[in-house]
Amino acid sequence: MTRHDRVWRDRAWRAMGALLCGGSCAAAMGLGEAPLAIPFFPLALLGLVLMTHGKRVATALRAERRGHGHTADVIHAERIRRHRRRLD
């Protein structure tokens, strides 16, 4: 996988976060002060996290889903592997 592919994938995750955040905020504003707008708040927060961290969120979720007790260690190892590939 080339660097261009990784950058594109990260930007796609960030764009998905922007769409999720913007869409949920627009839907909540459309509902006004109705209690139905409350479920859109977590979606907006998820969108903010995706916009900030990009595909690292997917890596963390994948590691957590597979039952890794040391998610941070797994993410750190992934970054080290990626860095080694970049040096090659």
Protein backbone atom coordinates (compact mmCIF):
# COMPACT_ATOMS: atom_id res chain seq x y z
CA MET A 1 0.00 0.00 0.00
CA THR A 2 1.47 3.32 -1.01
CA ARG A 3 1.55 6.47 1.06
CA HIS A 4 -0.99 8.03 -1.31
CA ASP A 5 -3.45 5.22 -0.55
CA ARG A 6 -3.01 5.67 3.21
CA VAL A 7 -3.51 9.43 2.98
CA TRP A 8 -6.62 8.95 0.82
CA ARG A 9 -8.07 6.45 3.28
CA ASP A 10 -7.41 8.78 6.21
CA ARG A 11 -9.07 11.66 4.39
CA ALA A 12 -12.06 9.44 3.60
CA TRP A 13 -12.49 8.64 7.31
CA ARG A 14 -12.22 12.34 8.17
CA ALA A 15 -14.75 13.26 5.47
CA MET A 16 -17.11 10.61 6.81
CA GLY A 17 -16.76 12.21 10.24
CA ALA A 18 -17.55 15.63 8.81
CA LEU A 19 -20.65 14.27 7.08
CA LEU A 20 -21.78 12.47 10.21
CA CYS A 21 -21.27 15.51 12.41
CA GLY A 22 -22.81 17.95 9.95
CA GLY A 23 -25.74 15.69 9.16
CA SER A 24 -26.58 14.96 12.75
CA CYS A 25 -26.30 18.64 13.72
CA ALA A 26 -28.56 19.62 10.83
CA ALA A 27 -31.09 16.94 11.75
CA ALA A 28 -31.06 18.03 15.39
CA MET A 29 -31.54 21.68 14.40
CA GLY A 30 -34.39 20.66 12.14
CA LEU A 31 -36.16 18.99 15.05
CA GLY A 32 -35.75 22.07 17.20
CA GLU A 33 -35.94 21.58 20.94
CA ALA A 34 -37.81 18.30 20.69
CA PRO A 35 -36.54 15.39 22.78
CA LEU A 36 -36.11 13.48 19.53
CA ALA A 37 -32.96 15.54 18.90
CA ILE A 38 -31.13 13.90 21.83
CA PRO A 39 -29.97 10.76 19.92
CA PHE A 40 -28.20 12.97 17.39
CA PHE A 41 -25.80 14.31 20.02
CA PRO A 42 -23.69 11.09 20.28
CA LEU A 43 -23.58 10.91 16.49
CA ALA A 44 -22.22 14.45 16.35
CA LEU A 45 -19.58 13.54 18.94
CA LEU A 46 -18.61 10.46 16.95
CA GLY A 47 -18.28 12.65 13.86
CA LEU A 48 -15.99 15.02 15.77
CA VAL A 49 -13.80 12.12 16.84
CA LEU A 50 -13.58 10.84 13.26
CA MET A 51 -12.73 14.30 11.95
CA THR A 52 -9.97 14.63 14.52
CA HIS A 53 -8.39 11.18 14.44
CA GLY A 54 -9.31 9.78 11.02
CA LYS A 55 -8.56 6.13 10.40
CA ARG A 56 -6.91 5.68 13.81
CA VAL A 57 -10.45 5.33 15.14
CA ALA A 58 -11.00 2.34 12.84
CA THR A 59 -7.74 0.77 14.03
CA ALA A 60 -8.75 1.22 17.67
CA LEU A 61 -12.23 -0.21 17.09
CA ARG A 62 -10.84 -3.19 15.17
CA ALA A 63 -8.34 -3.93 17.94
CA GLU A 64 -11.02 -3.62 20.61
CA ARG A 65 -13.44 -5.84 18.70
CA ARG A 66 -10.84 -8.58 18.37
CA GLY A 67 -10.49 -8.69 22.13
CA HIS A 68 -7.12 -7.06 22.59
CA GLY A 69 -6.74 -6.16 26.22
CA HIS A 70 -3.94 -3.76 25.39
CA THR A 71 -5.45 -1.65 22.65
CA ALA A 72 -2.92 1.16 23.05
CA ASP A 73 -0.05 -1.32 22.66
CA VAL A 74 -1.60 -2.70 19.49
CA ILE A 75 -2.01 0.78 18.00
CA HIS A 76 1.56 1.69 18.93
CA ALA A 77 2.88 -1.51 17.30
CA GLU A 78 0.89 -0.69 14.14
CA ARG A 79 2.47 2.76 13.99
CA ILE A 80 5.96 1.31 14.45
CA ARG A 81 5.33 -1.20 11.62
CA ARG A 82 4.02 1.58 9.40
CA HIS A 83 7.06 3.71 10.18
CA ARG A 84 9.42 0.83 9.35
CA ARG A 85 7.65 0.29 6.01
CA ARG A 86 8.04 3.97 5.23
CA LEU A 87 11.81 3.76 5.82
CA ASP A 88 12.16 0.82 3.41
